[in-house]
Amino acid sequence: MSRALKRYLLTLVGGVVVLDAMVIGIYYQFHVAERPIKTQQTFVGVWIAATLIFVTTMMRRIRRARRRRLPS
């Protein structure tokens, strides 16, 4: 595995962990569990969207790095 590929993979995993930790902190800080259902659903939707954007961006970089290192 190339150095860039390892870096992207570690960034992906670390980024998801940091993002989830931040969002869980926000969840408890702002007492989202005590808010109306619609607010909770919106919160979770934004969380999922942010995670999806981050993961798809990193996966695109990983795929590009893999294509560069594979022989044609």
PDB file of N, CA and C in Angstrom:
ATOM      1  N   MET A   1       0.847  -1.176   0.000  1.00  0.00           N
ATOM      2  CA  MET A   1       0.000   0.000   0.000  1.00  0.00           C
ATOM      3  C   MET A   1       0.892   1.239   0.000  1.00  0.00           C
ATOM      4  N   SER A   2       0.559   2.192  -0.863  1.00  0.00           N
ATOM      5  CA  SER A   2       1.392   3.385  -0.968  1.00  0.00           C
ATOM      6  C   SER A   2       1.207   4.297   0.248  1.00  0.00           C
ATOM      7  N   ARG A   3       2.148   5.181   0.406  1.00  0.00           N
ATOM      8  CA  ARG A   3       2.129   6.104   1.542  1.00  0.00           C
ATOM      9  C   ARG A   3       0.905   7.031   1.487  1.00  0.00           C
ATOM     10  N   ALA A   4       0.579   7.525   0.287  1.00  0.00           N
ATOM     11  CA  ALA A   4      -0.577   8.416   0.133  1.00  0.00           C
ATOM     12  C   ALA A   4      -1.878   7.677   0.443  1.00  0.00           C
ATOM     13  N   LEU A   5      -1.957   6.438   0.006  1.00  0.00           N
ATOM     14  CA  LEU A   5      -3.143   5.636   0.247  1.00  0.00           C
ATOM     15  C   LEU A   5      -3.349   5.410   1.745  1.00  0.00           C
ATOM     16  N   LYS A   6      -2.277   5.095   2.455  1.00  0.00           N
ATOM     17  CA  LYS A   6      -2.368   4.912   3.906  1.00  0.00           C
ATOM     18  C   LYS A   6      -2.795   6.203   4.592  1.00  0.00           C
ATOM     19  N   ARG A   7      -2.227   7.309   4.140  1.00  0.00           N
ATOM     20  CA  ARG A   7      -2.562   8.602   4.742  1.00  0.00           C
ATOM     21  C   ARG A   7      -4.042   8.918   4.533  1.00  0.00           C
ATOM     22  N   TYR A   8      -4.546   8.691   3.315  1.00  0.00           N
ATOM     23  CA  TYR A   8      -5.957   8.951   3.042  1.00  0.00           C
ATOM     24  C   TYR A   8      -6.864   8.043   3.871  1.00  0.00           C
ATOM     25  N   LEU A   9      -6.484   6.791   4.005  1.00  0.00           N
ATOM     26  CA  LEU A   9      -7.294   5.858   4.788  1.00  0.00           C
ATOM     27  C   LEU A   9      -7.323   6.252   6.258  1.00  0.00           C
ATOM     28  N   LEU A  10      -6.174   6.611   6.806  1.00  0.00           N
ATOM     29  CA  LEU A  10      -6.134   7.055   8.203  1.00  0.00           C
ATOM     30  C   LEU A  10      -6.897   8.368   8.387  1.00  0.00           C
ATOM     31  N   THR A  11      -6.828   9.246   7.408  1.00  0.00           N
ATOM     32  CA  THR A  11      -7.590  10.492   7.471  1.00  0.00           C
ATOM     33  C   THR A  11      -9.081  10.208   7.446  1.00  0.00           C
ATOM     34  N   LEU A  12      -9.489   9.244   6.634  1.00  0.00           N
ATOM     35  CA  LEU A  12     -10.894   8.860   6.565  1.00  0.00           C
ATOM     36  C   LEU A  12     -11.381   8.354   7.915  1.00  0.00           C
ATOM     37  N   VAL A  13     -10.675   7.402   8.479  1.00  0.00           N
ATOM     38  CA  VAL A  13     -11.089   6.819   9.753  1.00  0.00           C
ATOM     39  C   VAL A  13     -11.034   7.861  10.874  1.00  0.00           C
ATOM     40  N   GLY A  14      -9.924   8.577  10.955  1.00  0.00           N
ATOM     41  CA  GLY A  14      -9.783   9.598  11.992  1.00  0.00           C
ATOM     42  C   GLY A  14     -10.804  10.708  11.858  1.00  0.00           C
ATOM     43  N   GLY A  15     -11.076  11.113  10.637  1.00  0.00           N
ATOM     44  CA  GLY A  15     -12.049  12.172  10.398  1.00  0.00           C
ATOM     45  C   GLY A  15     -13.454  11.782  10.822  1.00  0.00           C
ATOM     46  N   VAL A  16     -13.834  10.548  10.528  1.00  0.00           N
ATOM     47  CA  VAL A  16     -15.161  10.075  10.939  1.00  0.00           C
ATOM     48  C   VAL A  16     -15.240  10.005  12.465  1.00  0.00           C
ATOM     49  N   VAL A  17     -14.189   9.543  13.098  1.00  0.00           N
ATOM     50  CA  VAL A  17     -14.176   9.475  14.562  1.00  0.00           C
ATOM     51  C   VAL A  17     -14.298  10.878  15.161  1.00  0.00           C
ATOM     52  N   VAL A  18     -13.527  11.823  14.644  1.00  0.00           N
ATOM     53  CA  VAL A  18     -13.574  13.203  15.164  1.00  0.00           C
ATOM     54  C   VAL A  18     -14.940  13.827  14.895  1.00  0.00           C
ATOM     55  N   LEU A  19     -15.463  13.659  13.685  1.00  0.00           N
ATOM     56  CA  LEU A  19     -16.777  14.205  13.345  1.00  0.00           C
ATOM     57  C   LEU A  19     -17.852  13.647  14.267  1.00  0.00           C
ATOM     58  N   ASP A  20     -17.855  12.330  14.456  1.00  0.00           N
ATOM     59  CA  ASP A  20     -18.849  11.706  15.334  1.00  0.00           C
ATOM     60  C   ASP A  20     -18.699  12.185  16.777  1.00  0.00           C
ATOM     61  N   ALA A  21     -17.477  12.313  17.260  1.00  0.00           N
ATOM     62  CA  ALA A  21     -17.254  12.789  18.631  1.00  0.00           C
ATOM     63  C   ALA A  21     -17.782  14.216  18.795  1.00  0.00           C
ATOM     64  N   MET A  22     -17.527  15.054  17.803  1.00  0.00           N
ATOM     65  CA  MET A  22     -18.022  16.435  17.874  1.00  0.00           C
ATOM     66  C   MET A  22     -19.549  16.476  17.868  1.00  0.00           C
ATOM     67  N   VAL A  23     -20.151  15.703  16.991  1.00  0.00           N
ATOM     68  CA  VAL A  23     -21.610  15.726  16.873  1.00  0.00           C
ATOM     69  C   VAL A  23     -22.256  15.148  18.134  1.00  0.00           C
ATOM     70  N   ILE A  24     -21.683  14.103  18.694  1.00  0.00           N
ATOM     71  CA  ILE A  24     -22.226  13.541  19.934  1.00  0.00           C
ATOM     72  C   ILE A  24     -22.109  14.567  21.060  1.00  0.00           C
ATOM     73  N   GLY A  25     -20.984  15.281  21.096  1.00  0.00           N
ATOM     74  CA  GLY A  25     -20.827  16.349  22.086  1.00  0.00           C
ATOM     75  C   GLY A  25     -21.891  17.425  21.927  1.00  0.00           C
ATOM     76  N   ILE A  26     -22.135  17.833  20.690  1.00  0.00           N
ATOM     77  CA  ILE A  26     -23.174  18.832  20.413  1.00  0.00           C
ATOM     78  C   ILE A  26     -24.539  18.294  20.820  1.00  0.00           C
ATOM     79  N   TYR A  27     -24.790  17.026  20.542  1.00  0.00           N
ATOM     80  CA  TYR A  27     -26.063  16.385  20.882  1.00  0.00           C
ATOM     81  C   TYR A  27     -26.352  16.514  22.379  1.00  0.00           C
ATOM     82  N   TYR A  28     -25.352  16.215  23.191  1.00  0.00           N
ATOM     83  CA  TYR A  28     -25.561  16.296  24.635  1.00  0.00           C
ATOM     84  C   TYR A  28     -25.501  17.729  25.152  1.00  0.00           C
ATOM     85  N   GLN A  29     -24.668  18.561  24.564  1.00  0.00           N
ATOM     86  CA  GLN A  29     -24.544  19.958  25.001  1.00  0.00           C
ATOM     87  C   GLN A  29     -25.857  20.717  24.813  1.00  0.00           C
ATOM     88  N   PHE A  30     -26.523  20.466  23.702  1.00  0.00           N
ATOM     89  CA  PHE A  30     -27.757  21.177  23.393  1.00  0.00           C
ATOM     90  C   PHE A  30     -29.014  20.362  23.710  1.00  0.00           C
ATOM     91  N   HIS A  31     -28.848  19.255  24.421  1.00  0.00           N
ATOM     92  CA  HIS A  31     -29.979  18.434  24.896  1.00  0.00           C
ATOM     93  C   HIS A  31     -30.957  18.104  23.765  1.00  0.00           C
ATOM     94  N   VAL A  32     -30.424  17.606  22.673  1.00  0.00           N
ATOM     95  CA  VAL A  32     -31.240  17.289  21.501  1.00  0.00           C
ATOM     96  C   VAL A  32     -32.278  16.222  21.835  1.00  0.00           C
ATOM     97  N   ALA A  33     -31.970  15.321  22.738  1.00  0.00           N
ATOM     98  CA  ALA A  33     -32.910  14.258  23.104  1.00  0.00           C
ATOM     99  C   ALA A  33     -34.190  14.812  23.724  1.00  0.00           C
ATOM    100  N   GLU A  34     -34.120  15.995  24.295  1.00  0.00           N
ATOM    101  CA  GLU A  34     -35.285  16.606  24.949  1.00  0.00           C
ATOM    102  C   GLU A  34     -36.068  17.507  23.996  1.00  0.00           C
ATOM    103  N   ARG A  35     -35.601  17.671  22.796  1.00  0.00           N
ATOM    104  CA  ARG A  35     -36.254  18.547  21.807  1.00  0.00           C
ATOM    105  C   ARG A  35     -37.346  17.767  21.064  1.00  0.00           C
ATOM    106  N   PRO A  36     -38.173  18.476  20.312  1.00  0.00           N
ATOM    107  CA  PRO A  36     -39.223  17.790  19.527  1.00  0.00           C
ATOM    108  C   PRO A  36     -38.618  16.787  18.529  1.00  0.00           C
ATOM    109  N   ILE A  37     -39.423  15.811  18.169  1.00  0.00           N
ATOM    110  CA  ILE A  37     -38.988  14.742  17.257  1.00  0.00           C
ATOM    111  C   ILE A  37     -38.458  15.320  15.945  1.00  0.00           C
ATOM    112  N   LYS A  38     -39.132  16.321  15.415  1.00  0.00           N
ATOM    113  CA  LYS A  38     -38.707  16.910  14.137  1.00  0.00           C
ATOM    114  C   LYS A  38     -37.297  17.497  14.254  1.00  0.00           C
ATOM    115  N   THR A  39     -36.987  18.123  15.368  1.00  0.00           N
ATOM    116  CA  THR A  39     -35.650  18.671  15.601  1.00  0.00           C
ATOM    117  C   THR A  39     -34.622  17.547  15.682  1.00  0.00           C
ATOM    118  N   GLN A  40     -34.973  16.468  16.362  1.00  0.00           N
ATOM    119  CA  GLN A  40     -34.065  15.321  16.469  1.00  0.00           C
ATOM    120  C   GLN A  40     -33.806  14.718  15.098  1.00  0.00           C
ATOM    121  N   GLN A  41     -34.851  14.589  14.306  1.00  0.00           N
ATOM    122  CA  GLN A  41     -34.698  14.021  12.972  1.00  0.00           C
ATOM    123  C   GLN A  41     -33.840  14.916  12.081  1.00  0.00           C
ATOM    124  N   THR A  42     -34.030  16.218  12.187  1.00  0.00           N
ATOM    125  CA  THR A  42     -33.222  17.163  11.420  1.00  0.00           C
ATOM    126  C   THR A  42     -31.766  17.066  11.837  1.00  0.00           C
ATOM    127  N   PHE A  43     -31.520  16.985  13.135  1.00  0.00           N
ATOM    128  CA  PHE A  43     -30.160  16.862  13.658  1.00  0.00           C
ATOM    129  C   PHE A  43     -29.477  15.619  13.091  1.00  0.00           C
ATOM    130  N   VAL A  44     -30.173  14.512  13.139  1.00  0.00           N
ATOM    131  CA  VAL A  44     -29.610  13.255  12.627  1.00  0.00           C
ATOM    132  C   VAL A  44     -29.397  13.344  11.112  1.00  0.00           C
ATOM    133  N   GLY A  45     -30.318  13.967  10.406  1.00  0.00           N
ATOM    134  CA  GLY A  45     -30.175  14.127   8.960  1.00  0.00           C
ATOM    135  C   GLY A  45     -28.945  14.940   8.587  1.00  0.00           C
ATOM    136  N   VAL A  46     -28.707  16.027   9.320  1.00  0.00           N
ATOM    137  CA  VAL A  46     -27.521  16.852   9.066  1.00  0.00           C
ATOM    138  C   VAL A  46     -26.258  16.062   9.396  1.00  0.00           C
ATOM    139  N   TRP A  47     -26.298  15.305  10.472  1.00  0.00           N
ATOM    140  CA  TRP A  47     -25.163  14.463  10.877  1.00  0.00           C
ATOM    141  C   TRP A  47     -24.840  13.458   9.773  1.00  0.00           C
ATOM    142  N   ILE A  48     -25.855  12.790   9.276  1.00  0.00           N
ATOM    143  CA  ILE A  48     -25.658  11.793   8.214  1.00  0.00           C
ATOM    144  C   ILE A  48     -25.120  12.455   6.950  1.00  0.00           C
ATOM    145  N   ALA A  49     -25.678  13.621   6.596  1.00  0.00           N
ATOM    146  CA  ALA A  49     -25.229  14.320   5.397  1.00  0.00           C
ATOM    147  C   ALA A  49     -23.764  14.740   5.521  1.00  0.00           C
ATOM    148  N   ALA A  50     -23.384  15.259   6.680  1.00  0.00           N
ATOM    149  CA  ALA A  50     -21.989  15.678   6.890  1.00  0.00           C
ATOM    150  C   ALA A  50     -21.045  14.476   6.798  1.00  0.00           C
ATOM    151  N   THR A  51     -21.448  13.369   7.397  1.00  0.00           N
ATOM    152  CA  THR A  51     -20.627  12.156   7.339  1.00  0.00           C
ATOM    153  C   THR A  51     -20.509  11.658   5.903  1.00  0.00           C
ATOM    154  N   LEU A  52     -21.620  11.668   5.194  1.00  0.00           N
ATOM    155  CA  LEU A  52     -21.615  11.203   3.810  1.00  0.00           C
ATOM    156  C   LEU A  52     -20.727  12.065   2.926  1.00  0.00           C
ATOM    157  N   ILE A  53     -20.800  13.375   3.086  1.00  0.00           N
ATOM    158  CA  ILE A  53     -19.960  14.276   2.296  1.00  0.00           C
ATOM    159  C   ILE A  53     -18.491  14.015   2.574  1.00  0.00           C
ATOM    160  N   PHE A  54     -18.148  13.869   3.843  1.00  0.00           N
ATOM    161  CA  PHE A  54     -16.752  13.623   4.203  1.00  0.00           C
ATOM    162  C   PHE A  54     -16.272  12.274   3.651  1.00  0.00           C
ATOM    163  N   VAL A  55     -17.063  11.231   3.840  1.00  0.00           N
ATOM    164  CA  VAL A  55     -16.650   9.890   3.403  1.00  0.00           C
ATOM    165  C   VAL A  55     -16.536   9.820   1.882  1.00  0.00           C
ATOM    166  N   THR A  56     -17.496  10.388   1.162  1.00  0.00           N
ATOM    167  CA  THR A  56     -17.409  10.313  -0.299  1.00  0.00           C
ATOM    168  C   THR A  56     -16.214  11.107  -0.829  1.00  0.00           C
ATOM    169  N   THR A  57     -15.919  12.244  -0.192  1.00  0.00           N
ATOM    170  CA  THR A  57     -14.743  13.022  -0.603  1.00  0.00           C
ATOM    171  C   THR A  57     -13.463  12.220  -0.394  1.00  0.00           C
ATOM    172  N   MET A  58     -13.327  11.602   0.758  1.00  0.00           N
ATOM    173  CA  MET A  58     -12.117  10.824   1.046  1.00  0.00           C
ATOM    174  C   MET A  58     -12.036   9.574   0.165  1.00  0.00           C
ATOM    175  N   MET A  59     -13.164   8.928  -0.076  1.00  0.00           N
ATOM    176  CA  MET A  59     -13.151   7.735  -0.936  1.00  0.00           C
ATOM    177  C   MET A  59     -12.754   8.100  -2.365  1.00  0.00           C
ATOM    178  N   ARG A  60     -13.152   9.276  -2.833  1.00  0.00           N
ATOM    179  CA  ARG A  60     -12.747   9.730  -4.167  1.00  0.00           C
ATOM    180  C   ARG A  60     -11.225   9.875  -4.225  1.00  0.00           C
ATOM    181  N   ARG A  61     -10.651  10.453  -3.177  1.00  0.00           N
ATOM    182  CA  ARG A  61      -9.190  10.600  -3.127  1.00  0.00           C
ATOM    183  C   ARG A  61      -8.501   9.238  -3.065  1.00  0.00           C
ATOM    184  N   ILE A  62      -9.063   8.318  -2.307  1.00  0.00           N
ATOM    185  CA  ILE A  62      -8.486   6.973  -2.201  1.00  0.00           C
ATOM    186  C   ILE A  62      -8.534   6.278  -3.562  1.00  0.00           C
ATOM    187  N   ARG A  63      -9.658   6.390  -4.252  1.00  0.00           N
ATOM    188  CA  ARG A  63      -9.764   5.763  -5.579  1.00  0.00           C
ATOM    189  C   ARG A  63      -8.758   6.353  -6.561  1.00  0.00           C
ATOM    190  N   ARG A  64      -8.597   7.672  -6.524  1.00  0.00           N
ATOM    191  CA  ARG A  64      -7.598   8.298  -7.407  1.00  0.00           C
ATOM    192  C   ARG A  64      -6.195   7.811  -7.089  1.00  0.00           C
ATOM    193  N   ALA A  65      -5.872   7.706  -5.820  1.00  0.00           N
ATOM    194  CA  ALA A  65      -4.539   7.231  -5.416  1.00  0.00           C
ATOM    195  C   ALA A  65      -4.336   5.784  -5.850  1.00  0.00           C
ATOM    196  N   ARG A  66      -5.359   4.975  -5.754  1.00  0.00           N
ATOM    197  CA  ARG A  66      -5.244   3.572  -6.190  1.00  0.00           C
ATOM    198  C   ARG A  66      -5.056   3.472  -7.701  1.00  0.00           C
ATOM    199  N   ARG A  67      -5.775   4.300  -8.462  1.00  0.00           N
ATOM    200  CA  ARG A  67      -5.641   4.282  -9.919  1.00  0.00           C
ATOM    201  C   ARG A  67      -4.246   4.696 -10.354  1.00  0.00           C
ATOM    202  N   ARG A  68      -3.655   5.671  -9.661  1.00  0.00           N
ATOM    203  CA  ARG A  68      -2.316   6.134 -10.022  1.00  0.00           C
ATOM    204  C   ARG A  68      -1.284   5.049  -9.807  1.00  0.00           C
ATOM    205  N   ARG A  69      -1.477   4.208  -8.806  1.00  0.00           N
ATOM    206  CA  ARG A  69      -0.440   3.221  -8.502  1.00  0.00           C
ATOM    207  C   ARG A  69      -0.643   1.900  -9.217  1.00  0.00           C
ATOM    208  N   LEU A  70      -1.851   1.619  -9.755  1.00  0.00           N
ATOM    209  CA  LEU A  70      -2.084   0.377 -10.478  1.00  0.00           C
ATOM    210  C   LEU A  70      -1.526   0.478 -11.897  1.00  0.00           C
ATOM    211  N   PRO A  71      -0.882  -0.584 -12.386  1.00  0.00           N
ATOM    212  CA  PRO A  71      -0.368  -0.566 -13.762  1.00  0.00           C
ATOM    213  C   PRO A  71      -1.515  -0.621 -14.755  1.00  0.00           C
ATOM    214  N   SER A  72      -1.349  -0.002 -15.911  1.00  0.00           N
ATOM    215  CA  SER A  72      -2.405   0.038 -16.939  1.00  0.00           C
ATOM    216  C   SER A  72      -2.484  -1.254 -17.701  1.00  0.00           C
TER     217      SER A  72
END
